[in-house]
mmCIF file of all heavy atoms, coordinates in Angstrom:
data_MODEL
# 
_entry.id   MODEL 
# 
loop_
_atom_site.group_PDB 
_atom_site.id 
_atom_site.type_symbol 
_atom_site.label_atom_id 
_atom_site.label_alt_id 
_atom_site.label_comp_id 
_atom_site.label_asym_id 
_atom_site.label_entity_id 
_atom_site.label_seq_id 
_atom_site.pdbx_PDB_ins_code 
_atom_site.Cartn_x 
_atom_site.Cartn_y 
_atom_site.Cartn_z 
_atom_site.occupancy 
_atom_site.B_iso_or_equiv 
_atom_site.pdbx_formal_charge 
_atom_site.auth_seq_id 
_atom_site.auth_comp_id 
_atom_site.auth_asym_id 
_atom_site.auth_atom_id 
_atom_site.pdbx_PDB_model_num 
ATOM 1   N N   . PHE A 1 1  ? 60.813 165.455 75.603 1.00 0.00 ? 1  PHE A N   1 
ATOM 2   C CA  . PHE A 1 1  ? 60.863 164.740 76.856 1.00 0.00 ? 1  PHE A CA  1 
ATOM 3   C C   . PHE A 1 1  ? 59.555 164.388 77.288 1.00 0.00 ? 1  PHE A C   1 
ATOM 4   O O   . PHE A 1 1  ? 58.834 165.249 77.607 1.00 0.00 ? 1  PHE A O   1 
ATOM 5   C CB  . PHE A 1 1  ? 61.717 165.623 77.862 1.00 0.00 ? 1  PHE A CB  1 
ATOM 6   C CG  . PHE A 1 1  ? 61.832 165.113 79.237 1.00 0.00 ? 1  PHE A CG  1 
ATOM 7   C CD1 . PHE A 1 1  ? 62.226 163.680 79.378 1.00 0.00 ? 1  PHE A CD1 1 
ATOM 8   C CD2 . PHE A 1 1  ? 61.534 165.813 80.219 1.00 0.00 ? 1  PHE A CD2 1 
ATOM 9   C CE1 . PHE A 1 1  ? 62.318 163.299 80.808 1.00 0.00 ? 1  PHE A CE1 1 
ATOM 10  C CE2 . PHE A 1 1  ? 61.736 165.528 81.534 1.00 0.00 ? 1  PHE A CE2 1 
ATOM 11  C CZ  . PHE A 1 1  ? 62.215 164.140 81.783 1.00 0.00 ? 1  PHE A CZ  1 
ATOM 12  N N   . SER A 1 2  ? 59.152 163.069 77.284 1.00 0.00 ? 2  SER A N   1 
ATOM 13  C CA  . SER A 1 2  ? 57.830 162.666 77.762 1.00 0.00 ? 2  SER A CA  1 
ATOM 14  C C   . SER A 1 2  ? 57.866 161.254 78.435 1.00 0.00 ? 2  SER A C   1 
ATOM 15  O O   . SER A 1 2  ? 58.996 160.853 78.735 1.00 0.00 ? 2  SER A O   1 
ATOM 16  C CB  . SER A 1 2  ? 56.946 162.700 76.472 1.00 0.00 ? 2  SER A CB  1 
ATOM 17  O OG  . SER A 1 2  ? 55.599 162.566 76.947 1.00 0.00 ? 2  SER A OG  1 
ATOM 18  N N   . TYR A 1 3  ? 56.787 160.652 78.406 1.00 0.00 ? 3  TYR A N   1 
ATOM 19  C CA  . TYR A 1 3  ? 56.773 159.264 78.982 1.00 0.00 ? 3  TYR A CA  1 
ATOM 20  C C   . TYR A 1 3  ? 55.996 158.432 77.908 1.00 0.00 ? 3  TYR A C   1 
ATOM 21  O O   . TYR A 1 3  ? 55.155 158.837 77.140 1.00 0.00 ? 3  TYR A O   1 
ATOM 22  C CB  . TYR A 1 3  ? 56.106 159.133 80.283 1.00 0.00 ? 3  TYR A CB  1 
ATOM 23  C CG  . TYR A 1 3  ? 54.730 159.785 80.394 1.00 0.00 ? 3  TYR A CG  1 
ATOM 24  C CD1 . TYR A 1 3  ? 53.654 158.991 80.193 1.00 0.00 ? 3  TYR A CD1 1 
ATOM 25  C CD2 . TYR A 1 3  ? 54.598 161.116 80.706 1.00 0.00 ? 3  TYR A CD2 1 
ATOM 26  C CE1 . TYR A 1 3  ? 52.347 159.603 80.257 1.00 0.00 ? 3  TYR A CE1 1 
ATOM 27  C CE2 . TYR A 1 3  ? 53.264 161.602 80.814 1.00 0.00 ? 3  TYR A CE2 1 
ATOM 28  C CZ  . TYR A 1 3  ? 52.201 160.774 80.496 1.00 0.00 ? 3  TYR A CZ  1 
ATOM 29  O OH  . TYR A 1 3  ? 50.878 161.396 80.661 1.00 0.00 ? 3  TYR A OH  1 
ATOM 30  N N   . ILE A 1 4  ? 56.175 157.051 78.028 1.00 0.00 ? 4  ILE A N   1 
ATOM 31  C CA  . ILE A 1 4  ? 55.615 156.131 77.067 1.00 0.00 ? 4  ILE A CA  1 
ATOM 32  C C   . ILE A 1 4  ? 55.561 154.723 77.643 1.00 0.00 ? 4  ILE A C   1 
ATOM 33  O O   . ILE A 1 4  ? 56.341 154.569 78.600 1.00 0.00 ? 4  ILE A O   1 
ATOM 34  C CB  . ILE A 1 4  ? 56.583 156.090 75.593 1.00 0.00 ? 4  ILE A CB  1 
ATOM 35  C CG1 . ILE A 1 4  ? 55.692 155.458 74.595 1.00 0.00 ? 4  ILE A CG1 1 
ATOM 36  C CG2 . ILE A 1 4  ? 57.958 155.455 75.977 1.00 0.00 ? 4  ILE A CG2 1 
ATOM 37  C CD1 . ILE A 1 4  ? 56.374 155.636 73.163 1.00 0.00 ? 4  ILE A CD1 1 
ATOM 38  N N   . ASP A 1 5  ? 54.610 154.047 77.175 1.00 0.00 ? 5  ASP A N   1 
ATOM 39  C CA  . ASP A 1 5  ? 54.471 152.622 77.712 1.00 0.00 ? 5  ASP A CA  1 
ATOM 40  C C   . ASP A 1 5  ? 55.681 151.826 77.373 1.00 0.00 ? 5  ASP A C   1 
ATOM 41  O O   . ASP A 1 5  ? 56.304 151.972 76.408 1.00 0.00 ? 5  ASP A O   1 
ATOM 42  C CB  . ASP A 1 5  ? 53.222 151.831 76.972 1.00 0.00 ? 5  ASP A CB  1 
ATOM 43  C CG  . ASP A 1 5  ? 51.954 152.509 77.385 1.00 0.00 ? 5  ASP A CG  1 
ATOM 44  O OD1 . ASP A 1 5  ? 51.879 153.338 78.264 1.00 0.00 ? 5  ASP A OD1 1 
ATOM 45  O OD2 . ASP A 1 5  ? 50.900 152.254 76.827 1.00 0.00 ? 5  ASP A OD2 1 
ATOM 46  N N   . VAL A 1 6  ? 56.007 150.911 78.299 1.00 0.00 ? 6  VAL A N   1 
ATOM 47  C CA  . VAL A 1 6  ? 57.267 150.091 78.110 1.00 0.00 ? 6  VAL A CA  1 
ATOM 48  C C   . VAL A 1 6  ? 57.078 148.983 77.110 1.00 0.00 ? 6  VAL A C   1 
ATOM 49  O O   . VAL A 1 6  ? 58.031 148.311 76.925 1.00 0.00 ? 6  VAL A O   1 
ATOM 50  C CB  . VAL A 1 6  ? 57.757 149.546 79.530 1.00 0.00 ? 6  VAL A CB  1 
ATOM 51  C CG1 . VAL A 1 6  ? 58.250 150.717 80.461 1.00 0.00 ? 6  VAL A CG1 1 
ATOM 52  C CG2 . VAL A 1 6  ? 56.816 148.749 80.196 1.00 0.00 ? 6  VAL A CG2 1 
ATOM 53  N N   . ILE A 1 7  ? 55.915 148.806 76.646 1.00 0.00 ? 7  ILE A N   1 
ATOM 54  C CA  . ILE A 1 7  ? 55.728 147.905 75.471 1.00 0.00 ? 7  ILE A CA  1 
ATOM 55  C C   . ILE A 1 7  ? 56.482 148.172 74.171 1.00 0.00 ? 7  ILE A C   1 
ATOM 56  O O   . ILE A 1 7  ? 56.671 147.398 73.254 1.00 0.00 ? 7  ILE A O   1 
ATOM 57  C CB  . ILE A 1 7  ? 54.182 147.601 75.206 1.00 0.00 ? 7  ILE A CB  1 
ATOM 58  C CG1 . ILE A 1 7  ? 53.575 148.830 74.760 1.00 0.00 ? 7  ILE A CG1 1 
ATOM 59  C CG2 . ILE A 1 7  ? 53.520 147.097 76.540 1.00 0.00 ? 7  ILE A CG2 1 
ATOM 60  C CD1 . ILE A 1 7  ? 52.194 148.673 74.153 1.00 0.00 ? 7  ILE A CD1 1 
ATOM 61  N N   . PHE A 1 8  ? 56.963 149.480 73.969 1.00 0.00 ? 8  PHE A N   1 
ATOM 62  C CA  . PHE A 1 8  ? 57.570 149.804 72.898 1.00 0.00 ? 8  PHE A CA  1 
ATOM 63  C C   . PHE A 1 8  ? 59.125 149.684 72.902 1.00 0.00 ? 8  PHE A C   1 
ATOM 64  O O   . PHE A 1 8  ? 59.647 149.536 74.047 1.00 0.00 ? 8  PHE A O   1 
ATOM 65  C CB  . PHE A 1 8  ? 57.339 151.357 72.670 1.00 0.00 ? 8  PHE A CB  1 
ATOM 66  C CG  . PHE A 1 8  ? 55.875 151.699 72.300 1.00 0.00 ? 8  PHE A CG  1 
ATOM 67  C CD1 . PHE A 1 8  ? 55.170 152.172 73.272 1.00 0.00 ? 8  PHE A CD1 1 
ATOM 68  C CD2 . PHE A 1 8  ? 55.326 151.406 71.078 1.00 0.00 ? 8  PHE A CD2 1 
ATOM 69  C CE1 . PHE A 1 8  ? 53.738 152.454 73.080 1.00 0.00 ? 8  PHE A CE1 1 
ATOM 70  C CE2 . PHE A 1 8  ? 53.953 151.758 70.939 1.00 0.00 ? 8  PHE A CE2 1 
ATOM 71  C CZ  . PHE A 1 8  ? 53.243 152.233 71.907 1.00 0.00 ? 8  PHE A CZ  1 
ATOM 72  N N   . THR A 1 9  ? 59.667 149.469 71.776 1.00 0.00 ? 9  THR A N   1 
ATOM 73  C CA  . THR A 1 9  ? 61.069 149.273 71.712 1.00 0.00 ? 9  THR A CA  1 
ATOM 74  C C   . THR A 1 9  ? 61.812 150.663 71.444 1.00 0.00 ? 9  THR A C   1 
ATOM 75  O O   . THR A 1 9  ? 61.572 151.334 70.553 1.00 0.00 ? 9  THR A O   1 
ATOM 76  C CB  . THR A 1 9  ? 61.463 148.398 70.531 1.00 0.00 ? 9  THR A CB  1 
ATOM 77  O OG1 . THR A 1 9  ? 60.753 147.139 70.608 1.00 0.00 ? 9  THR A OG1 1 
ATOM 78  C CG2 . THR A 1 9  ? 62.963 148.116 70.403 1.00 0.00 ? 9  THR A CG2 1 
ATOM 79  N N   . ASN A 1 10 ? 62.482 151.007 72.554 1.00 0.00 ? 10 ASN A N   1 
ATOM 80  C CA  . ASN A 1 10 ? 63.295 152.207 72.446 1.00 0.00 ? 10 ASN A CA  1 
ATOM 81  C C   . ASN A 1 10 ? 64.871 151.945 72.550 1.00 0.00 ? 10 ASN A C   1 
ATOM 82  O O   . ASN A 1 10 ? 65.169 150.891 73.031 1.00 0.00 ? 10 ASN A O   1 
ATOM 83  C CB  . ASN A 1 10 ? 62.928 153.158 73.587 1.00 0.00 ? 10 ASN A CB  1 
ATOM 84  C CG  . ASN A 1 10 ? 61.564 153.825 73.310 1.00 0.00 ? 10 ASN A CG  1 
ATOM 85  O OD1 . ASN A 1 10 ? 61.023 153.835 72.236 1.00 0.00 ? 10 ASN A OD1 1 
ATOM 86  N ND2 . ASN A 1 10 ? 60.937 154.336 74.290 1.00 0.00 ? 10 ASN A ND2 1 
ATOM 87  N N   . GLY A 1 11 ? 65.719 152.956 72.360 1.00 0.00 ? 11 GLY A N   1 
ATOM 88  C CA  . GLY A 1 11 ? 67.160 152.810 72.476 1.00 0.00 ? 11 GLY A CA  1 
ATOM 89  C C   . GLY A 1 11 ? 67.462 153.169 73.729 1.00 0.00 ? 11 GLY A C   1 
ATOM 90  O O   . GLY A 1 11 ? 66.779 153.542 74.758 1.00 0.00 ? 11 GLY A O   1 
ATOM 91  N N   . VAL A 1 12 ? 68.840 153.110 74.109 1.00 0.00 ? 12 VAL A N   1 
ATOM 92  C CA  . VAL A 1 12 ? 69.410 153.524 75.370 1.00 0.00 ? 12 VAL A CA  1 
ATOM 93  C C   . VAL A 1 12 ? 70.610 154.434 75.096 1.00 0.00 ? 12 VAL A C   1 
ATOM 94  O O   . VAL A 1 12 ? 71.300 154.186 74.020 1.00 0.00 ? 12 VAL A O   1 
ATOM 95  C CB  . VAL A 1 12 ? 69.877 152.434 76.289 1.00 0.00 ? 12 VAL A CB  1 
ATOM 96  C CG1 . VAL A 1 12 ? 68.637 151.597 76.723 1.00 0.00 ? 12 VAL A CG1 1 
ATOM 97  C CG2 . VAL A 1 12 ? 70.811 151.546 75.749 1.00 0.00 ? 12 VAL A CG2 1 
ATOM 98  N N   . ARG A 1 13 ? 70.940 155.400 75.944 1.00 0.00 ? 13 ARG A N   1 
ATOM 99  C CA  . ARG A 1 13 ? 72.151 156.133 75.921 1.00 0.00 ? 13 ARG A CA  1 
ATOM 100 C C   . ARG A 1 13 ? 72.764 156.051 77.259 1.00 0.00 ? 13 ARG A C   1 
ATOM 101 O O   . ARG A 1 13 ? 72.393 156.670 78.305 1.00 0.00 ? 13 ARG A O   1 
ATOM 102 C CB  . ARG A 1 13 ? 71.787 157.605 75.577 1.00 0.00 ? 13 ARG A CB  1 
ATOM 103 C CG  . ARG A 1 13 ? 71.228 157.717 74.171 1.00 0.00 ? 13 ARG A CG  1 
ATOM 104 C CD  . ARG A 1 13 ? 71.053 159.175 73.712 1.00 0.00 ? 13 ARG A CD  1 
ATOM 105 N NE  . ARG A 1 13 ? 72.442 159.456 73.245 1.00 0.00 ? 13 ARG A NE  1 
ATOM 106 C CZ  . ARG A 1 13 ? 72.693 160.578 72.551 1.00 0.00 ? 13 ARG A CZ  1 
ATOM 107 N NH1 . ARG A 1 13 ? 71.794 161.409 72.356 1.00 0.00 ? 13 ARG A NH1 1 
ATOM 108 N NH2 . ARG A 1 13 ? 73.912 160.922 72.222 1.00 0.00 ? 13 ARG A NH2 1 
ATOM 109 N N   . PRO A 1 14 ? 73.755 155.146 77.469 1.00 0.00 ? 14 PRO A N   1 
ATOM 110 C CA  . PRO A 1 14 ? 74.420 154.782 78.610 1.00 0.00 ? 14 PRO A CA  1 
ATOM 111 C C   . PRO A 1 14 ? 75.146 156.049 79.182 1.00 0.00 ? 14 PRO A C   1 
ATOM 112 O O   . PRO A 1 14 ? 75.552 157.009 78.562 1.00 0.00 ? 14 PRO A O   1 
ATOM 113 C CB  . PRO A 1 14 ? 75.419 153.701 78.409 1.00 0.00 ? 14 PRO A CB  1 
ATOM 114 C CG  . PRO A 1 14 ? 75.403 153.499 76.989 1.00 0.00 ? 14 PRO A CG  1 
ATOM 115 C CD  . PRO A 1 14 ? 74.371 154.331 76.312 1.00 0.00 ? 14 PRO A CD  1 
ATOM 116 N N   . SER A 1 15 ? 75.216 156.108 80.576 1.00 0.00 ? 15 SER A N   1 
ATOM 117 C CA  . SER A 1 15 ? 76.034 157.187 81.170 1.00 0.00 ? 15 SER A CA  1 
ATOM 118 C C   . SER A 1 15 ? 76.827 156.562 82.276 1.00 0.00 ? 15 SER A C   1 
ATOM 119 O O   . SER A 1 15 ? 76.403 155.449 82.807 1.00 0.00 ? 15 SER A O   1 
ATOM 120 C CB  . SER A 1 15 ? 74.958 158.248 81.824 1.00 0.00 ? 15 SER A CB  1 
ATOM 121 O OG  . SER A 1 15 ? 74.250 157.642 82.861 1.00 0.00 ? 15 SER A OG  1 
ATOM 122 N N   . ILE A 1 16 ? 77.804 157.320 82.754 1.00 0.00 ? 16 ILE A N   1 
ATOM 123 C CA  . ILE A 1 16 ? 78.534 156.929 83.887 1.00 0.00 ? 16 ILE A CA  1 
ATOM 124 C C   . ILE A 1 16 ? 78.753 158.161 84.696 1.00 0.00 ? 16 ILE A C   1 
ATOM 125 O O   . ILE A 1 16 ? 78.649 159.335 84.366 1.00 0.00 ? 16 ILE A O   1 
ATOM 126 C CB  . ILE A 1 16 ? 80.080 156.479 83.453 1.00 0.00 ? 16 ILE A CB  1 
ATOM 127 C CG1 . ILE A 1 16 ? 80.881 157.664 82.778 1.00 0.00 ? 16 ILE A CG1 1 
ATOM 128 C CG2 . ILE A 1 16 ? 79.992 155.197 82.629 1.00 0.00 ? 16 ILE A CG2 1 
ATOM 129 C CD1 . ILE A 1 16 ? 82.218 157.338 82.327 1.00 0.00 ? 16 ILE A CD1 1 
ATOM 130 N N   . SER A 1 17 ? 78.889 157.959 86.034 1.00 0.00 ? 17 SER A N   1 
ATOM 131 C CA  . SER A 1 17 ? 79.182 158.849 87.080 1.00 0.00 ? 17 SER A CA  1 
ATOM 132 C C   . SER A 1 17 ? 80.626 158.908 87.366 1.00 0.00 ? 17 SER A C   1 
ATOM 133 O O   . SER A 1 17 ? 81.217 157.877 87.591 1.00 0.00 ? 17 SER A O   1 
ATOM 134 C CB  . SER A 1 17 ? 78.331 158.655 88.335 1.00 0.00 ? 17 SER A CB  1 
ATOM 135 O OG  . SER A 1 17 ? 76.886 158.623 87.953 1.00 0.00 ? 17 SER A OG  1 
ATOM 136 N N   . LEU A 1 18 ? 81.086 160.168 87.504 1.00 0.00 ? 18 LEU A N   1 
ATOM 137 C CA  . LEU A 1 18 ? 82.486 160.301 87.860 1.00 0.00 ? 18 LEU A CA  1 
ATOM 138 C C   . LEU A 1 18 ? 82.695 160.919 89.279 1.00 0.00 ? 18 LEU A C   1 
ATOM 139 O O   . LEU A 1 18 ? 81.832 161.916 89.650 1.00 0.00 ? 18 LEU A O   1 
ATOM 140 C CB  . LEU A 1 18 ? 83.210 161.187 86.821 1.00 0.00 ? 18 LEU A CB  1 
ATOM 141 C CG  . LEU A 1 18 ? 83.127 160.804 85.382 1.00 0.00 ? 18 LEU A CG  1 
ATOM 142 C CD1 . LEU A 1 18 ? 83.655 161.796 84.446 1.00 0.00 ? 18 LEU A CD1 1 
ATOM 143 C CD2 . LEU A 1 18 ? 83.770 159.418 85.303 1.00 0.00 ? 18 LEU A CD2 1 
ATOM 144 N N   . LYS A 1 19 ? 83.732 160.631 90.046 1.00 0.00 ? 19 LYS A N   1 
ATOM 145 C CA  . LYS A 1 19 ? 84.052 161.266 91.263 1.00 0.00 ? 19 LYS A CA  1 
ATOM 146 C C   . LYS A 1 19 ? 84.502 162.776 90.917 1.00 0.00 ? 19 LYS A C   1 
ATOM 147 O O   . LYS A 1 19 ? 84.968 163.176 89.875 1.00 0.00 ? 19 LYS A O   1 
ATOM 148 C CB  . LYS A 1 19 ? 85.136 160.597 91.911 1.00 0.00 ? 19 LYS A CB  1 
ATOM 149 C CG  . LYS A 1 19 ? 84.883 159.170 92.324 1.00 0.00 ? 19 LYS A CG  1 
ATOM 150 C CD  . LYS A 1 19 ? 86.218 158.570 93.051 1.00 0.00 ? 19 LYS A CD  1 
ATOM 151 C CE  . LYS A 1 19 ? 85.876 157.193 93.541 1.00 0.00 ? 19 LYS A CE  1 
ATOM 152 N NZ  . LYS A 1 19 ? 87.041 156.590 94.103 1.00 0.00 ? 19 LYS A NZ  1 
ATOM 153 N N   . SER A 1 20 ? 84.300 163.629 91.835 1.00 0.00 ? 20 SER A N   1 
ATOM 154 C CA  . SER A 1 20 ? 84.456 165.108 91.815 1.00 0.00 ? 20 SER A CA  1 
ATOM 155 C C   . SER A 1 20 ? 85.968 165.350 91.537 1.00 0.00 ? 20 SER A C   1 
ATOM 156 O O   . SER A 1 20 ? 86.350 166.356 91.019 1.00 0.00 ? 20 SER A O   1 
ATOM 157 C CB  . SER A 1 20 ? 83.999 165.775 92.906 1.00 0.00 ? 20 SER A CB  1 
ATOM 158 O OG  . SER A 1 20 ? 84.591 165.400 94.117 1.00 0.00 ? 20 SER A OG  1 
ATOM 159 N N   . THR A 1 21 ? 86.927 164.343 91.959 1.00 0.00 ? 21 THR A N   1 
ATOM 160 C CA  . THR A 1 21 ? 88.246 164.562 91.823 1.00 0.00 ? 21 THR A CA  1 
ATOM 161 C C   . THR A 1 21 ? 88.779 164.185 90.431 1.00 0.00 ? 21 THR A C   1 
ATOM 162 O O   . THR A 1 21 ? 89.976 164.239 90.121 1.00 0.00 ? 21 THR A O   1 
ATOM 163 C CB  . THR A 1 21 ? 89.012 163.732 92.943 1.00 0.00 ? 21 THR A CB  1 
ATOM 164 O OG1 . THR A 1 21 ? 88.650 162.322 92.873 1.00 0.00 ? 21 THR A OG1 1 
ATOM 165 C CG2 . THR A 1 21 ? 88.729 164.235 94.332 1.00 0.00 ? 21 THR A CG2 1 
ATOM 166 N N   . THR A 1 22 ? 87.945 163.689 89.580 1.00 0.00 ? 22 THR A N   1 
ATOM 167 C CA  . THR A 1 22 ? 88.300 163.183 88.230 1.00 0.00 ? 22 THR A CA  1 
ATOM 168 C C   . THR A 1 22 ? 88.568 164.309 87.399 1.00 0.00 ? 22 THR A C   1 
ATOM 169 O O   . THR A 1 22 ? 87.902 165.269 87.388 1.00 0.00 ? 22 THR A O   1 
ATOM 170 C CB  . THR A 1 22 ? 87.187 162.440 87.586 1.00 0.00 ? 22 THR A CB  1 
ATOM 171 O OG1 . THR A 1 22 ? 86.825 161.166 88.458 1.00 0.00 ? 22 THR A OG1 1 
ATOM 172 C CG2 . THR A 1 22 ? 87.582 161.812 86.291 1.00 0.00 ? 22 THR A CG2 1 
ATOM 173 N N   . ASN A 1 23 ? 89.726 164.226 86.699 1.00 0.00 ? 23 ASN A N   1 
ATOM 174 C CA  . ASN A 1 23 ? 90.196 165.379 85.805 1.00 0.00 ? 23 ASN A CA  1 
ATOM 175 C C   . ASN A 1 23 ? 89.494 165.007 84.380 1.00 0.00 ? 23 ASN A C   1 
ATOM 176 O O   . ASN A 1 23 ? 89.765 164.107 83.812 1.00 0.00 ? 23 ASN A O   1 
ATOM 177 C CB  . ASN A 1 23 ? 91.711 165.348 85.602 1.00 0.00 ? 23 ASN A CB  1 
ATOM 178 C CG  . ASN A 1 23 ? 92.273 166.544 84.806 1.00 0.00 ? 23 ASN A CG  1 
ATOM 179 O OD1 . ASN A 1 23 ? 91.612 167.633 84.836 1.00 0.00 ? 23 ASN A OD1 1 
ATOM 180 N ND2 . ASN A 1 23 ? 93.417 166.367 84.238 1.00 0.00 ? 23 ASN A ND2 1 
ATOM 181 N N   . VAL A 1 24 ? 88.848 166.103 83.959 1.00 0.00 ? 24 VAL A N   1 
ATOM 182 C CA  . VAL A 1 24 ? 88.132 165.923 82.535 1.00 0.00 ? 24 VAL A CA  1 
ATOM 183 C C   . VAL A 1 24 ? 88.527 167.152 81.701 1.00 0.00 ? 24 VAL A C   1 
ATOM 184 O O   . VAL A 1 24 ? 88.465 168.237 82.133 1.00 0.00 ? 24 VAL A O   1 
ATOM 185 C CB  . VAL A 1 24 ? 86.531 165.827 82.728 1.00 0.00 ? 24 VAL A CB  1 
ATOM 186 C CG1 . VAL A 1 24 ? 85.994 165.767 81.455 1.00 0.00 ? 24 VAL A CG1 1 
ATOM 187 C CG2 . VAL A 1 24 ? 86.148 164.725 83.694 1.00 0.00 ? 24 VAL A CG2 1 
# 
């Protein structure tokens, strides 16, 4: 886990937020 210049091409890992009442 670090930081890097945004000139590089990186991937993404999308995320979603759920309400506390959501059954998982």
